[in-house]
Amino acid sequence: TLPLHKSQKTLVDDKKEFRIELNIHPNFELQQKILMYGVSVKVLEPKWLIDEIRGTLKNTLNFYL
């Protein structure tokens, strides 16, 4: 219910998905907020941020294998 950032724009808001756009300089805090939502969120772009989130999740999974 609270925006992640003041630049947040809602692109899609229906029963199937809620998609936003942020115009920011990504940093550690943003990545932590994204990870906080777990399986409820998916980064669509930029590719490098997708790779960062994926890498963090893979490293986390390795703690439990």
N, C-alpha and C. Protein backbone atom coordinates (compact mmCIF):
# COMPACT_ATOMS: atom_id res chain seq x y z
N THR A 1 0.81 -1.21 0.00
CA THR A 1 0.00 0.00 0.00
C THR A 1 0.85 1.26 0.00
N LEU A 2 2.08 1.17 0.50
CA LEU A 2 2.96 2.33 0.50
C LEU A 2 3.91 2.27 -0.69
N PRO A 3 4.09 3.39 -1.38
CA PRO A 3 5.02 3.40 -2.52
C PRO A 3 6.45 3.08 -2.06
N LEU A 4 7.21 2.42 -2.94
CA LEU A 4 8.61 2.15 -2.65
C LEU A 4 9.46 3.41 -2.79
N HIS A 5 9.00 4.31 -3.68
CA HIS A 5 9.77 5.52 -3.97
C HIS A 5 8.81 6.57 -4.51
N LYS A 6 9.17 7.84 -4.36
CA LYS A 6 8.28 8.91 -4.82
C LYS A 6 8.10 8.93 -6.34
N SER A 7 9.03 8.30 -7.07
CA SER A 7 8.92 8.25 -8.54
C SER A 7 8.01 7.11 -9.01
N GLN A 8 7.47 6.32 -8.09
CA GLN A 8 6.70 5.13 -8.46
C GLN A 8 5.48 5.49 -9.30
N LYS A 9 5.35 4.78 -10.43
CA LYS A 9 4.18 4.92 -11.30
C LYS A 9 3.55 3.54 -11.45
N THR A 10 2.26 3.48 -11.33
CA THR A 10 1.53 2.23 -11.51
C THR A 10 1.29 2.02 -13.00
N LEU A 11 1.73 0.88 -13.51
CA LEU A 11 1.55 0.53 -14.92
C LEU A 11 0.37 -0.41 -15.11
N VAL A 12 0.22 -1.37 -14.20
CA VAL A 12 -0.89 -2.33 -14.25
C VAL A 12 -1.36 -2.57 -12.83
N ASP A 13 -2.67 -2.54 -12.64
CA ASP A 13 -3.23 -2.82 -11.32
C ASP A 13 -4.57 -3.53 -11.53
N ASP A 14 -4.50 -4.86 -11.59
CA ASP A 14 -5.72 -5.65 -11.74
C ASP A 14 -5.63 -6.88 -10.84
N LYS A 15 -6.58 -7.79 -10.97
CA LYS A 15 -6.61 -8.98 -10.11
C LYS A 15 -5.43 -9.91 -10.35
N LYS A 16 -4.84 -9.86 -11.55
CA LYS A 16 -3.76 -10.77 -11.90
C LYS A 16 -2.37 -10.21 -11.54
N GLU A 17 -2.19 -8.90 -11.69
CA GLU A 17 -0.86 -8.35 -11.45
C GLU A 17 -0.92 -6.89 -11.03
N PHE A 18 0.12 -6.50 -10.34
CA PHE A 18 0.35 -5.10 -9.97
C PHE A 18 1.76 -4.79 -10.40
N ARG A 19 1.92 -3.98 -11.44
CA ARG A 19 3.23 -3.66 -12.00
C ARG A 19 3.51 -2.18 -11.84
N ILE A 20 4.72 -1.89 -11.36
CA ILE A 20 5.12 -0.49 -11.16
C ILE A 20 6.41 -0.19 -11.92
N GLU A 21 6.66 1.08 -12.05
CA GLU A 21 7.91 1.56 -12.64
C GLU A 21 8.53 2.52 -11.63
N LEU A 22 9.84 2.37 -11.41
CA LEU A 22 10.58 3.27 -10.54
C LEU A 22 11.67 3.94 -11.34
N ASN A 23 11.87 5.20 -11.10
CA ASN A 23 12.92 5.96 -11.78
C ASN A 23 13.95 6.35 -10.72
N ILE A 24 14.88 5.43 -10.43
CA ILE A 24 15.82 5.63 -9.33
C ILE A 24 17.19 5.06 -9.67
N HIS A 25 18.15 5.36 -8.79
CA HIS A 25 19.47 4.73 -8.84
C HIS A 25 19.42 3.57 -7.85
N PRO A 26 19.39 2.34 -8.36
CA PRO A 26 19.29 1.18 -7.46
C PRO A 26 20.47 1.13 -6.48
N ASN A 27 20.17 0.68 -5.26
CA ASN A 27 21.19 0.55 -4.24
C ASN A 27 20.87 -0.67 -3.36
N PHE A 28 21.68 -0.90 -2.36
CA PHE A 28 21.52 -2.05 -1.49
C PHE A 28 20.14 -2.06 -0.82
N GLU A 29 19.69 -0.91 -0.36
CA GLU A 29 18.40 -0.83 0.33
C GLU A 29 17.24 -1.23 -0.59
N LEU A 30 17.30 -0.83 -1.86
CA LEU A 30 16.26 -1.23 -2.81
C LEU A 30 16.27 -2.74 -2.98
N GLN A 31 17.44 -3.32 -3.14
CA GLN A 31 17.53 -4.77 -3.29
C GLN A 31 16.95 -5.48 -2.07
N GLN A 32 17.21 -4.96 -0.89
CA GLN A 32 16.67 -5.56 0.32
C GLN A 32 15.15 -5.46 0.37
N LYS A 33 14.61 -4.34 -0.08
CA LYS A 33 13.15 -4.19 -0.13
C LYS A 33 12.54 -5.18 -1.11
N ILE A 34 13.18 -5.36 -2.26
CA ILE A 34 12.70 -6.31 -3.26
C ILE A 34 12.71 -7.72 -2.67
N LEU A 35 13.82 -8.09 -2.04
CA LEU A 35 13.94 -9.42 -1.46
C LEU A 35 12.95 -9.64 -0.32
N MET A 36 12.59 -8.59 0.37
CA MET A 36 11.63 -8.67 1.48
C MET A 36 10.28 -9.23 1.02
N TYR A 37 9.92 -8.97 -0.23
CA TYR A 37 8.63 -9.42 -0.75
C TYR A 37 8.65 -10.87 -1.22
N GLY A 38 9.82 -11.50 -1.25
CA GLY A 38 9.93 -12.92 -1.59
C GLY A 38 9.28 -13.27 -2.92
N VAL A 39 8.46 -14.32 -2.92
CA VAL A 39 7.84 -14.80 -4.16
C VAL A 39 6.71 -13.90 -4.66
N SER A 40 6.40 -12.84 -3.92
CA SER A 40 5.32 -11.94 -4.33
C SER A 40 5.77 -10.88 -5.33
N VAL A 41 7.06 -10.84 -5.63
CA VAL A 41 7.58 -9.81 -6.53
C VAL A 41 8.54 -10.42 -7.54
N LYS A 42 8.56 -9.84 -8.73
CA LYS A 42 9.49 -10.26 -9.78
C LYS A 42 10.03 -9.01 -10.46
N VAL A 43 11.35 -8.90 -10.52
CA VAL A 43 11.99 -7.79 -11.23
C VAL A 43 11.96 -8.10 -12.72
N LEU A 44 11.46 -7.19 -13.51
CA LEU A 44 11.35 -7.39 -14.95
C LEU A 44 12.50 -6.76 -15.72
N GLU A 45 13.06 -5.71 -15.20
CA GLU A 45 14.22 -5.05 -15.79
C GLU A 45 14.76 -4.04 -14.81
N PRO A 46 15.96 -3.61 -14.90
CA PRO A 46 16.99 -3.94 -15.88
C PRO A 46 17.60 -5.33 -15.63
N LYS A 47 18.22 -5.85 -16.66
CA LYS A 47 18.78 -7.21 -16.61
C LYS A 47 19.80 -7.36 -15.50
N TRP A 48 20.65 -6.36 -15.30
CA TRP A 48 21.68 -6.49 -14.27
C TRP A 48 21.08 -6.61 -12.87
N LEU A 49 19.93 -5.94 -12.64
CA LEU A 49 19.27 -6.04 -11.32
C LEU A 49 18.64 -7.42 -11.16
N ILE A 50 18.07 -7.94 -12.24
CA ILE A 50 17.55 -9.31 -12.22
C ILE A 50 18.67 -10.27 -11.83
N ASP A 51 19.83 -10.10 -12.45
CA ASP A 51 20.98 -10.96 -12.16
C ASP A 51 21.43 -10.83 -10.71
N GLU A 52 21.43 -9.62 -10.18
CA GLU A 52 21.81 -9.39 -8.78
C GLU A 52 20.86 -10.10 -7.82
N ILE A 53 19.56 -9.93 -8.06
CA ILE A 53 18.55 -10.56 -7.19
C ILE A 53 18.67 -12.08 -7.30
N ARG A 54 18.78 -12.59 -8.52
CA ARG A 54 18.93 -14.04 -8.73
C ARG A 54 20.16 -14.57 -7.98
N GLY A 55 21.28 -13.87 -8.10
CA GLY A 55 22.50 -14.30 -7.43
C GLY A 55 22.35 -14.33 -5.91
N THR A 56 21.71 -13.31 -5.37
CA THR A 56 21.48 -13.27 -3.93
C THR A 56 20.61 -14.43 -3.49
N LEU A 57 19.56 -14.71 -4.24
CA LEU A 57 18.66 -15.82 -3.88
C LEU A 57 19.37 -17.17 -3.99
N LYS A 58 20.21 -17.34 -5.01
CA LYS A 58 20.97 -18.59 -5.14
C LYS A 58 21.94 -18.76 -3.98
N ASN A 59 22.63 -17.69 -3.60
CA ASN A 59 23.55 -17.76 -2.48
C ASN A 59 22.83 -18.07 -1.18
N THR A 60 21.65 -17.50 -1.00
CA THR A 60 20.85 -17.78 0.19
C THR A 60 20.44 -19.23 0.23
N LEU A 61 20.00 -19.76 -0.90
CA LEU A 61 19.59 -21.16 -0.97
C LEU A 61 20.73 -22.09 -0.60
N ASN A 62 21.95 -21.74 -0.96
CA ASN A 62 23.10 -22.58 -0.65
C ASN A 62 23.30 -22.76 0.86
N PHE A 63 22.83 -21.82 1.66
CA PHE A 63 22.92 -21.97 3.12
C PHE A 63 22.05 -23.12 3.64
N TYR A 64 21.04 -23.50 2.86
CA TYR A 64 20.08 -24.50 3.30
C TYR A 64 20.21 -25.84 2.58
N LEU A 65 21.24 -26.01 1.78
CA LEU A 65 21.46 -27.28 1.07
C LEU A 65 22.40 -28.16 1.82
